[in-house]
Protein backbone atom coordinates (compact mmCIF):
# COMPACT_ATOMS: atom_id res chain seq x y z
CA UNK A 1 1.53 -28.72 4.45
CA UNK A 2 -2.21 -28.32 3.95
CA UNK A 3 -2.68 -27.38 7.62
CA UNK A 4 0.07 -24.74 7.25
CA UNK A 5 -1.69 -23.31 4.17
CA UNK A 6 -5.03 -23.15 5.99
CA UNK A 7 -3.34 -21.51 8.98
CA UNK A 8 -1.70 -18.94 6.69
CA UNK A 9 -5.01 -18.29 4.95
CA UNK A 10 -6.68 -17.76 8.33
CA UNK A 11 -3.96 -15.28 9.29
CA UNK A 12 -4.32 -13.57 5.94
CA UNK A 13 -8.09 -13.37 6.35
CA UNK A 14 -7.70 -11.99 9.86
CA UNK A 15 -5.14 -9.44 8.67
CA UNK A 16 -7.36 -8.37 5.79
CA UNK A 17 -10.28 -7.99 8.21
CA UNK A 18 -8.26 -5.70 10.42
CA UNK A 19 -6.81 -3.71 7.54
CA UNK A 20 -10.09 -3.14 5.69
CA UNK A 21 -12.99 -3.52 8.09
CA UNK A 22 -11.63 -2.35 11.40
CA UNK A 23 -10.92 1.23 10.24
CA UNK A 24 -14.50 1.47 8.98
CA UNK A 25 -15.92 0.30 12.28
CA UNK A 26 -13.62 2.61 14.22
CA UNK A 27 -14.57 5.53 12.01
CA UNK A 28 -18.24 4.86 12.70
CA UNK A 29 -17.64 5.43 16.39
CA UNK A 30 -17.53 8.99 17.64
CA UNK A 31 -14.70 8.29 20.09
CA UNK A 32 -11.48 9.03 18.18
CA UNK A 33 -9.30 7.34 20.79
CA UNK A 34 -10.15 3.99 19.18
CA UNK A 35 -8.95 5.27 15.80
CA UNK A 36 -5.82 6.69 17.41
CA UNK A 37 -5.11 3.31 19.03
CA UNK A 38 -5.52 1.61 15.65
CA UNK A 39 -3.18 4.07 13.88
CA UNK A 40 -0.58 3.79 16.64
CA UNK A 41 -0.68 0.03 16.10
CA UNK A 42 -0.17 0.50 12.36
CA UNK A 43 2.82 2.71 13.09
CA UNK A 44 4.38 0.26 15.52
CA UNK A 45 3.57 -2.99 13.68
CA UNK A 46 3.89 -1.94 10.04
CA UNK A 47 6.02 1.21 10.36
CA UNK A 48 3.22 3.37 8.92
CA UNK A 49 4.58 6.76 7.91
CA UNK A 50 2.18 9.45 6.74
CA UNK A 51 -0.59 11.89 7.51
CA UNK A 52 -4.11 10.76 8.36
CA UNK A 53 -7.23 12.87 8.18
CA UNK A 54 -10.71 11.47 8.80
CA UNK A 55 -13.73 13.69 8.26
CA UNK A 56 -17.40 13.06 8.82
CA UNK A 57 -20.00 15.34 7.25
CA UNK A 58 -17.29 17.84 6.35
CA UNK A 59 -15.96 18.05 9.92
CA UNK A 60 -12.50 16.73 10.83
CA UNK A 61 -12.86 14.06 13.50
CA UNK A 62 -9.28 12.79 13.48
CA UNK A 63 -6.02 14.25 12.19
CA UNK A 64 -2.53 13.11 13.06
CA UNK A 65 0.91 12.75 11.51
CA UNK A 66 3.15 9.72 11.94
CA UNK A 67 6.84 9.42 11.14
CA UNK A 68 9.20 11.59 9.17
CA UNK A 69 8.98 13.98 6.25
CA UNK A 70 12.74 13.44 5.87
CA UNK A 71 14.20 10.43 7.62
CA UNK A 72 17.84 11.48 7.15
CA UNK A 73 17.40 14.85 8.86
CA UNK A 74 14.80 13.42 11.29
CA UNK A 75 12.35 16.13 10.23
CA UNK A 76 8.93 15.05 11.50
CA UNK A 77 5.79 15.01 9.38
CA UNK A 78 3.10 17.54 10.21
CA UNK A 79 -0.22 18.63 8.76
CA UNK A 80 1.57 21.04 6.41
CA UNK A 81 4.01 18.48 4.99
CA UNK A 82 4.10 18.39 1.20
CA UNK A 83 4.15 15.08 -0.67
CA UNK A 84 5.18 14.31 -4.24
CA UNK A 85 2.09 12.51 -5.53
CA UNK A 86 4.10 10.63 -8.14
CA UNK A 87 2.35 7.73 -9.82
CA UNK A 88 -0.88 7.91 -7.85
CA UNK A 89 -2.35 10.05 -10.63
CA UNK A 90 -2.28 7.01 -12.95
CA UNK A 91 -5.23 5.39 -11.19
CA UNK A 92 -7.33 8.56 -11.29
CA UNK A 93 -6.49 9.18 -14.94
CA UNK A 94 -7.39 5.60 -15.83
CA UNK A 95 -10.74 5.85 -14.07
CA UNK A 96 -11.47 9.16 -15.83
CA UNK A 97 -10.64 7.65 -19.22
CA UNK A 98 -12.81 4.59 -18.56
CA UNK A 99 -15.69 6.85 -17.49
CA UNK A 100 -15.35 8.72 -20.80
CA UNK A 101 -15.37 5.38 -22.63
CA UNK A 102 -18.46 4.29 -20.70
CA UNK A 103 -20.23 7.52 -21.77
CA UNK A 104 -19.28 6.80 -25.38
CA UNK A 105 -17.12 9.93 -25.66
CA UNK A 106 -13.94 8.01 -26.52
CA UNK A 107 -12.93 4.54 -27.68
CA UNK A 108 -9.99 2.63 -26.27
CA UNK A 109 -8.67 2.09 -29.78
CA UNK A 110 -8.68 5.85 -30.49
CA UNK A 111 -5.17 7.05 -31.24
CA UNK A 112 -3.18 9.63 -29.33
CA UNK A 113 -3.04 11.79 -32.45
CA UNK A 114 -6.84 12.10 -32.45
CA UNK A 115 -6.50 14.25 -29.33
CA UNK A 116 -2.99 15.64 -29.87
CA UNK A 117 -2.44 15.92 -33.63
CA UNK A 118 0.80 17.84 -33.12
CA UNK A 119 2.53 14.80 -31.61
CA UNK A 120 4.77 12.74 -33.90
CA UNK A 121 3.67 9.33 -32.59
CA UNK A 122 1.30 7.46 -34.90
CA UNK A 123 -0.87 4.44 -34.14
CA UNK A 124 -0.52 4.72 -30.35
CA UNK A 125 -3.87 3.86 -28.80
CA UNK A 126 -5.47 4.80 -25.51
CA UNK A 127 -5.28 1.12 -24.53
CA UNK A 128 -1.51 1.22 -25.02
CA UNK A 129 -1.29 4.38 -22.90
CA UNK A 130 -3.38 2.79 -20.14
CA UNK A 131 -1.27 -0.38 -20.11
CA UNK A 132 2.04 1.51 -20.39
CA UNK A 133 2.93 -0.27 -23.62
CA UNK A 134 2.83 2.74 -25.98
CA UNK A 135 6.53 3.50 -26.12
CA UNK A 136 5.91 7.25 -25.65
CA UNK A 137 9.06 8.72 -24.09
CA UNK A 138 9.13 9.25 -20.34
CA UNK A 139 7.87 12.74 -19.59
CA UNK A 140 10.34 13.28 -16.76
CA UNK A 141 13.27 12.57 -19.07
CA UNK A 142 11.90 14.92 -21.75
CA UNK A 143 11.43 17.72 -19.19
CA UNK A 144 14.90 17.06 -17.75
CA UNK A 145 16.53 17.24 -21.17
CA UNK A 146 14.64 20.10 -22.86
CA UNK A 147 12.92 22.31 -20.26
CA UNK A 148 14.08 25.40 -18.35
CA UNK A 149 14.60 24.09 -14.79
CA UNK A 150 13.86 27.50 -13.30
CA UNK A 151 10.20 27.04 -14.23
CA UNK A 152 7.49 24.54 -13.32
CA UNK A 153 6.49 22.40 -16.30
CA UNK A 154 2.84 21.86 -17.18
CA UNK A 155 1.22 19.12 -19.25
CA UNK A 156 1.00 21.58 -22.13
CA UNK A 157 4.76 22.20 -21.83
CA UNK A 158 5.40 18.46 -22.14
CA UNK A 159 3.18 18.17 -25.22
CA UNK A 160 4.94 21.18 -26.79
CA UNK A 161 8.37 19.62 -26.12
CA UNK A 162 7.33 16.24 -27.54
CA UNK A 163 5.99 17.96 -30.66
CA UNK A 164 9.07 20.13 -31.08
CA UNK A 165 11.90 17.67 -30.37
CA UNK A 166 10.28 14.37 -31.47
CA UNK A 167 12.17 12.15 -29.01
CA UNK A 168 11.95 8.59 -30.34
CA UNK A 169 9.41 6.15 -29.01
CA UNK A 170 10.94 3.46 -26.88
């Protein structure tokens, strides 16, 4: 059993090396065929689906699309494909908030109402927002229920709807 664990750890280490270090070394080389070979391998082995753009000193050195924008219709991805960024903004927002904390501009125990006094939710802290334990209603559900679907909703629209309709905290 121990030998199996060591073998698995070696495979994991090797995989991590290829996933994290190999792209860096390939990027450092000026010959993009190596990077293309690597990405083709990712597509074949791990079913990578997406767009890749590598730039060096502001100049694009590699750009290619892999897979489908819509699998059901077999529509291929291309450099103009549009992606719903979804939850990826959470990481950037968290980093921004922690940078503000580091500068002393906010405290993690500050409440939501300090920044948005019009909202009905009391005692909800930034920490709770960052850890998704605040109970603030899901913004998508609020927009779906109360917003004109012929328009594009902004953050300010969501705050206005929360203030106006007071959907209960979860």
